[in-house]
Amino acid sequence: MCSTNQSNNQDFDFLLIGFPDLQDTQKWLSVPFFIVFLVSLFGNITIVLIIASEQSLREPMYYLISMLLAVDFIAGVALLPLLLAILWFGSLTIHYNACFVQMFVTSFTGVMESNVLVLMAYDRYIAVCNPLKYSDIVTKAFVVKGIFLSTLRSLCAVLPAQIFASMLPFFGNVTINNAYCEYFAVVNATCNNTSISNLFSYLVIFLIGVPDAALIALSYCMILDAVLKLKSMEARKKAFSTCSSHALVIIILYLSATLSTLASLFENKFAAYVHVMLSVLYVVTPPVLNPIIYGIKSKHIRQALLKYIQKIFDM
């Protein structure tokens, strides 16, 4: 039941309860999520710093990897510290403004991640299918323009939903059945009919996620076709190894996003903690996997990393 005391200003708190129905055991989840936090924090920072400091990595592909990992780092920092606090200490209050900042950051980074992955898929497509023109097409100017348009597209996708949510009236002490300020969890905590706001959000997900996934899939299908035509078995193995690992990360990202969205649409058919877990995994999975797949598995980044580690041991 909703209280009749409407909070007309922004001077009140939300109560995040973590994983519903798992409050007595959710503290044990802090162990894997703490490991996730450490990997996300140090993995993304390390790879970005290596790319920034290594002269041999000043190429468009590595700029895109840096952008992707920077987005992952922001997403991890926005979610994981608060999540760990909830797992360690139980339910946690968060101020209205802080909640909406977290909601914006997690939503924005999710869309931005999808945009950057499209750029990276196009980069790999040109590198494999049209290598002679790669340096003419994928330039630093192309990367800058791509990142700018991706940022603008992400803002246009996220800001309207953020504005809709901020206009909703909240009554009394608001309890959010989630471990962070996820958009659907926040808007569903109001007493108003949120169908229009939710419909808009699902429409944005459909208009952003589906085209991006289709473009990425098309790029990798064309890459696969080009790889199969290679005469050298060694070249095939190298291309398959790189593309398969990239494709795995992309599949996991869009699969987790799809499952999280379906859990929101059919929340009555799932246990409450299932939806929370899926929404959390959607945010934290890329910050853990991307430094490994796009960073350590890259030969040149791995060599640069080993060089710096060697320097540390030689000191």
Protein backbone atom coordinates (compact mmCIF):
# COMPACT_ATOMS: atom_id res chain seq x y z
CA MET A 1 0.00 0.00 0.00
CA CYS A 2 1.19 3.53 -0.73
CA SER A 3 1.25 6.25 1.84
CA THR A 4 -0.93 9.29 1.27
CA ASN A 5 1.97 11.60 2.09
CA GLN A 6 3.34 12.56 -1.28
CA SER A 7 6.95 13.69 -1.45
CA ASN A 8 6.72 16.73 -3.71
CA ASN A 9 10.37 17.69 -3.33
CA GLN A 10 13.55 15.73 -3.74
CA ASP A 11 14.57 15.74 -0.08
CA PHE A 12 13.85 12.13 0.79
CA ASP A 13 15.47 8.71 0.57
CA PHE A 14 14.78 5.43 -1.17
CA LEU A 15 15.28 2.13 0.62
CA LEU A 16 17.15 -0.51 -1.41
CA ILE A 17 16.46 -3.98 -0.01
CA GLY A 18 18.91 -5.95 -2.17
CA PHE A 19 17.75 -9.37 -3.36
CA PRO A 20 14.13 -9.97 -2.27
CA ASP A 21 13.55 -13.21 -0.34
CA LEU A 22 17.31 -13.70 0.02
CA GLN A 23 18.06 -11.11 2.73
CA ASP A 24 19.16 -13.79 5.20
CA THR A 25 21.64 -15.40 2.82
CA GLN A 26 22.59 -12.63 0.40
CA LYS A 27 25.70 -11.70 2.41
CA TRP A 28 27.40 -14.76 0.89
CA LEU A 29 26.95 -13.17 -2.53
CA SER A 30 29.37 -10.47 -1.42
CA VAL A 31 32.32 -12.84 -2.01
CA PRO A 32 31.88 -13.30 -5.80
CA PHE A 33 30.74 -9.69 -6.24
CA PHE A 34 33.79 -8.41 -4.34
CA ILE A 35 36.01 -10.40 -6.71
CA VAL A 36 34.02 -8.95 -9.62
CA PHE A 37 34.61 -5.45 -8.22
CA LEU A 38 38.37 -5.95 -7.93
CA VAL A 39 38.67 -7.41 -11.44
CA SER A 40 36.52 -4.62 -12.86
CA LEU A 41 38.39 -1.87 -11.02
CA PHE A 42 41.96 -2.95 -11.64
CA GLY A 43 41.41 -4.73 -14.95
CA ASN A 44 39.81 -1.81 -16.75
CA ILE A 45 42.14 0.83 -15.27
CA THR A 46 45.25 -1.21 -16.07
CA ILE A 47 44.36 -1.86 -19.71
CA VAL A 48 43.31 1.76 -20.33
CA LEU A 49 46.54 3.09 -18.79
CA ILE A 50 48.64 0.65 -20.84
CA ILE A 51 46.93 1.72 -24.08
CA ALA A 52 47.36 5.39 -23.14
CA SER A 53 51.06 5.05 -22.30
CA GLU A 54 52.22 2.61 -24.99
CA GLN A 55 53.17 4.34 -28.23
CA SER A 56 52.66 1.19 -30.32
CA LEU A 57 48.98 1.05 -29.29
CA ARG A 58 48.05 4.46 -30.72
CA GLU A 59 45.68 3.00 -33.30
CA PRO A 60 41.91 3.39 -33.82
CA MET A 61 41.15 -0.17 -32.67
CA TYR A 62 42.85 0.42 -29.32
CA TYR A 63 41.12 3.78 -28.88
CA LEU A 64 37.80 1.97 -29.23
CA ILE A 65 38.90 -0.67 -26.72
CA SER A 66 39.89 2.13 -24.31
CA MET A 67 36.49 3.75 -24.70
CA LEU A 68 34.72 0.46 -24.07
CA LEU A 69 36.75 -0.26 -20.93
CA ALA A 70 36.25 3.31 -19.66
CA VAL A 71 32.49 2.85 -20.00
CA ASP A 72 32.77 -0.48 -18.16
CA PHE A 73 34.78 1.13 -15.37
CA ILE A 74 32.14 3.84 -14.86
CA ALA A 75 29.34 1.25 -14.81
CA GLY A 76 31.17 -0.90 -12.27
CA VAL A 77 31.95 2.03 -9.96
CA ALA A 78 28.35 3.26 -10.18
CA LEU A 79 26.90 -0.07 -9.07
CA LEU A 80 29.31 -2.38 -7.26
CA PRO A 81 30.31 -0.34 -4.15
CA LEU A 82 26.67 0.25 -3.25
CA LEU A 83 25.79 -3.38 -4.03
CA LEU A 84 28.57 -4.61 -1.74
CA ALA A 85 27.39 -2.29 1.05
CA ILE A 86 23.89 -3.78 0.78
CA LEU A 87 25.23 -7.34 0.81
CA TRP A 88 27.44 -6.63 3.82
CA PHE A 89 25.13 -4.47 5.94
CA GLY A 90 21.62 -5.27 4.72
CA SER A 91 19.06 -2.81 3.36
CA LEU A 92 20.49 0.61 2.55
CA THR A 93 19.00 4.06 2.11
CA ILE A 94 20.01 6.23 -0.82
CA HIS A 95 19.05 9.86 -1.36
CA TYR A 96 16.66 10.73 -4.18
CA ASN A 97 19.31 12.64 -6.18
CA ALA A 98 21.95 9.93 -5.72
CA CYS A 99 19.44 7.29 -6.81
CA PHE A 100 18.63 9.14 -10.02
CA VAL A 101 22.32 9.71 -10.74
CA GLN A 102 22.96 5.97 -10.39
CA MET A 103 19.93 5.19 -12.56
CA PHE A 104 21.18 7.56 -15.26
CA VAL A 105 24.76 6.25 -15.20
CA THR A 106 23.81 2.56 -15.36
CA SER A 107 21.30 3.22 -18.16
CA PHE A 108 23.66 5.49 -20.11
CA THR A 109 26.62 3.11 -19.91
CA GLY A 110 24.43 0.22 -21.06
CA VAL A 111 23.42 2.07 -24.23
CA MET A 112 26.92 3.44 -24.73
CA GLU A 113 28.38 -0.06 -24.48
CA SER A 114 26.09 -1.21 -27.28
CA ASN A 115 27.10 1.76 -29.47
CA VAL A 116 30.83 1.18 -28.98
CA LEU A 117 30.44 -2.53 -29.76
CA VAL A 118 28.83 -1.58 -33.07
CA LEU A 119 31.83 0.64 -33.88
CA MET A 120 34.23 -2.15 -32.93
CA ALA A 121 32.35 -4.67 -35.07
CA TYR A 122 32.57 -2.27 -38.03
CA ASP A 123 36.28 -1.76 -37.32
CA ARG A 124 36.88 -5.54 -37.42
CA TYR A 125 34.74 -5.89 -40.55
CA ILE A 126 36.86 -3.34 -42.44
CA ALA A 127 40.10 -4.85 -41.10
CA VAL A 128 39.19 -8.36 -42.30
CA CYS A 129 37.03 -7.76 -45.36
CA ASN A 130 38.64 -4.62 -46.79
CA PRO A 131 42.14 -4.43 -45.28
CA LEU A 132 43.69 -2.34 -48.07
CA LYS A 133 41.34 0.55 -47.32
CA TYR A 134 41.38 0.14 -43.52
CA SER A 135 43.77 3.03 -42.84
CA ASP A 136 41.74 5.33 -45.12
CA ILE A 137 38.34 4.46 -43.57
CA VAL A 138 39.05 3.82 -39.88
CA THR A 139 40.99 6.94 -38.92
CA LYS A 140 41.34 8.87 -35.66
CA ALA A 141 38.75 11.32 -37.00
CA PHE A 142 36.38 8.40 -37.62
CA VAL A 143 36.82 7.24 -34.01
CA VAL A 144 36.23 10.74 -32.60
CA LYS A 145 33.10 11.22 -34.71
CA GLY A 146 31.87 7.73 -33.83
CA ILE A 147 32.33 8.29 -30.08
CA PHE A 148 30.64 11.70 -30.29
CA LEU A 149 27.61 10.32 -32.15
CA SER A 150 27.47 7.33 -29.79
CA THR A 151 27.43 9.66 -26.77
CA LEU A 152 24.73 11.82 -28.35
CA ARG A 153 22.65 8.76 -29.25
CA SER A 154 22.98 7.38 -25.72
CA LEU A 155 21.90 10.68 -24.17
CA CYS A 156 18.87 10.90 -26.49
CA ALA A 157 17.89 7.35 -25.54
CA VAL A 158 18.31 7.74 -21.77
CA LEU A 159 17.37 11.33 -20.90
CA PRO A 160 13.64 11.19 -21.85
CA ALA A 161 13.06 8.14 -19.63
CA GLN A 162 15.03 9.85 -16.84
CA ILE A 163 12.83 12.94 -17.14
CA PHE A 164 9.65 10.84 -17.12
CA ALA A 165 10.80 9.06 -13.98
CA SER A 166 11.66 12.31 -12.20
CA MET A 167 8.14 13.65 -12.89
CA LEU A 168 6.44 10.71 -11.15
CA PRO A 169 5.09 11.37 -7.64
CA PHE A 170 6.57 9.28 -4.83
CA PHE A 171 4.64 8.68 -1.64
CA GLY A 172 6.08 8.39 1.86
CA ASN A 173 9.13 6.22 2.41
CA VAL A 174 9.80 4.51 -0.92
CA THR A 175 11.08 0.93 -0.95
CA ILE A 176 12.82 -0.31 -4.08
CA ASN A 177 12.83 -4.07 -4.58
CA ASN A 178 16.28 -4.15 -6.10
CA ALA A 179 19.96 -3.92 -5.23
CA TYR A 180 20.38 -0.64 -7.10
CA CYS A 181 18.29 2.11 -8.65
CA GLU A 182 17.26 0.26 -11.77
CA TYR A 183 14.83 2.24 -13.90
CA PHE A 184 11.91 -0.18 -13.79
CA ALA A 185 12.32 -0.83 -10.06
CA VAL A 186 12.23 2.90 -9.33
CA VAL A 187 9.22 3.81 -11.48
CA ASN A 188 7.27 0.77 -10.26
CA ALA A 189 7.75 2.00 -6.68
CA THR A 190 5.26 4.82 -7.34
CA CYS A 191 1.49 4.54 -6.93
CA ASN A 192 0.80 6.03 -10.35
CA ASN A 193 0.13 4.16 -13.55
CA THR A 194 3.59 3.81 -15.11
CA SER A 195 2.53 1.99 -18.27
CA ILE A 196 3.37 4.93 -20.58
CA SER A 197 6.80 5.42 -19.01
CA ASN A 198 7.52 1.70 -19.17
CA LEU A 199 6.26 1.46 -22.76
CA PHE A 200 8.61 4.27 -23.78
CA SER A 201 11.54 2.50 -22.13
CA TYR A 202 10.76 -0.81 -23.84
CA LEU A 203 10.46 1.05 -27.14
CA VAL A 204 13.90 2.62 -26.63
CA ILE A 205 15.36 -0.81 -25.79
CA PHE A 206 13.80 -2.23 -28.97
CA LEU A 207 14.96 0.68 -31.17
CA ILE A 208 18.50 0.65 -29.77
CA GLY A 209 19.24 -2.95 -28.85
CA VAL A 210 17.71 -4.73 -31.86
CA PRO A 211 19.36 -2.61 -34.61
CA ASP A 212 22.71 -2.70 -32.79
CA ALA A 213 22.56 -6.47 -32.35
CA ALA A 214 21.55 -6.90 -36.01
CA LEU A 215 24.44 -4.72 -37.25
CA ILE A 216 26.95 -6.56 -35.08
CA ALA A 217 25.61 -9.95 -36.19
CA LEU A 218 25.79 -8.86 -39.86
CA SER A 219 29.37 -7.65 -39.43
CA TYR A 220 30.52 -10.91 -37.85
CA CYS A 221 28.68 -13.01 -40.45
CA MET A 222 30.56 -11.16 -43.20
CA ILE A 223 33.80 -11.54 -41.25
CA LEU A 224 33.17 -15.27 -40.87
CA ASP A 225 32.50 -15.57 -44.60
CA ALA A 226 35.78 -13.77 -45.36
CA VAL A 227 37.72 -15.92 -42.88
CA LEU A 228 36.41 -19.16 -44.40
CA LYS A 229 37.83 -18.04 -47.75
CA LEU A 230 41.33 -17.62 -46.35
CA LYS A 231 43.77 -20.20 -47.73
CA SER A 232 46.12 -20.18 -44.74
CA MET A 233 44.97 -22.46 -41.92
CA GLU A 234 47.03 -20.45 -39.42
CA ALA A 235 45.33 -17.23 -40.51
CA ARG A 236 41.94 -18.90 -40.15
CA LYS A 237 42.70 -20.07 -36.62
CA LYS A 238 43.93 -16.63 -35.60
CA ALA A 239 40.86 -14.90 -37.02
CA PHE A 240 38.50 -17.48 -35.48
CA SER A 241 40.17 -17.17 -32.09
CA THR A 242 39.82 -13.38 -32.07
CA CYS A 243 36.31 -13.16 -33.51
CA SER A 244 34.88 -16.03 -31.44
CA SER A 245 35.97 -14.47 -28.16
CA HIS A 246 34.58 -11.07 -29.20
CA ALA A 247 31.33 -12.69 -30.33
CA LEU A 248 31.03 -14.53 -27.01
CA VAL A 249 31.20 -11.28 -25.04
CA ILE A 250 28.63 -9.66 -27.32
CA ILE A 251 26.26 -12.63 -27.04
CA ILE A 252 26.53 -12.59 -23.24
CA LEU A 253 25.84 -8.83 -23.14
CA TYR A 254 22.74 -8.94 -25.33
CA LEU A 255 21.50 -12.19 -23.79
CA SER A 256 21.70 -10.73 -20.28
CA ALA A 257 19.97 -7.56 -21.50
CA THR A 258 17.21 -9.62 -23.12
CA LEU A 259 16.69 -11.79 -20.04
CA SER A 260 16.62 -8.73 -17.77
CA THR A 261 14.03 -7.05 -19.99
CA LEU A 262 11.88 -10.18 -20.16
CA ALA A 263 12.07 -10.51 -16.38
CA SER A 264 10.78 -6.93 -16.11
CA LEU A 265 7.95 -7.60 -18.55
CA PHE A 266 6.88 -10.84 -16.84
CA GLU A 267 7.98 -10.10 -13.28
CA ASN A 268 4.97 -11.92 -11.82
CA LYS A 269 6.15 -15.17 -13.40
CA PHE A 270 9.61 -15.08 -11.78
CA ALA A 271 10.82 -14.99 -8.21
CA ALA A 272 11.65 -11.38 -7.32
CA TYR A 273 15.33 -12.09 -6.74
CA VAL A 274 15.67 -13.59 -10.24
CA HIS A 275 14.86 -10.26 -11.87
CA VAL A 276 17.25 -8.44 -9.51
CA MET A 277 20.07 -10.90 -10.23
CA LEU A 278 19.58 -10.61 -13.99
CA SER A 279 19.52 -6.80 -13.88
CA VAL A 280 22.70 -6.76 -11.76
CA LEU A 281 24.51 -9.26 -14.01
CA TYR A 282 23.60 -7.17 -17.07
CA VAL A 283 25.55 -4.25 -15.58
CA VAL A 284 28.52 -6.07 -14.01
CA THR A 285 29.28 -8.78 -16.59
CA PRO A 286 30.91 -6.53 -19.25
CA PRO A 287 33.31 -4.81 -16.78
CA VAL A 288 34.66 -8.25 -15.84
CA LEU A 289 34.82 -9.93 -19.24
CA ASN A 290 35.90 -7.05 -21.48
CA PRO A 291 39.34 -6.42 -19.91
CA ILE A 292 40.10 -10.12 -20.41
CA ILE A 293 38.67 -10.58 -23.91
CA TYR A 294 39.53 -7.22 -25.46
CA GLY A 295 42.60 -6.56 -23.35
CA ILE A 296 44.63 -9.55 -22.22
CA LYS A 297 43.68 -11.73 -25.24
CA SER A 298 44.97 -9.01 -27.57
CA LYS A 299 48.56 -9.93 -28.43
CA HIS A 300 49.95 -6.38 -28.46
CA ILE A 301 48.21 -5.35 -25.22
CA ARG A 302 49.32 -8.58 -23.55
CA GLN A 303 52.92 -7.98 -24.60
CA ALA A 304 52.80 -4.40 -23.29
CA LEU A 305 51.32 -5.63 -20.00
CA LEU A 306 54.04 -8.27 -19.58
CA LYS A 307 56.66 -5.63 -20.31
CA TYR A 308 55.37 -3.39 -17.52
CA ILE A 309 55.11 -6.33 -15.12
CA GLN A 310 58.73 -7.23 -15.93
CA LYS A 311 59.79 -3.66 -15.19
CA ILE A 312 58.08 -3.81 -11.80
CA PHE A 313 59.87 -7.04 -10.85
CA ASP A 314 63.21 -5.64 -12.05
CA MET A 315 62.93 -2.58 -9.80
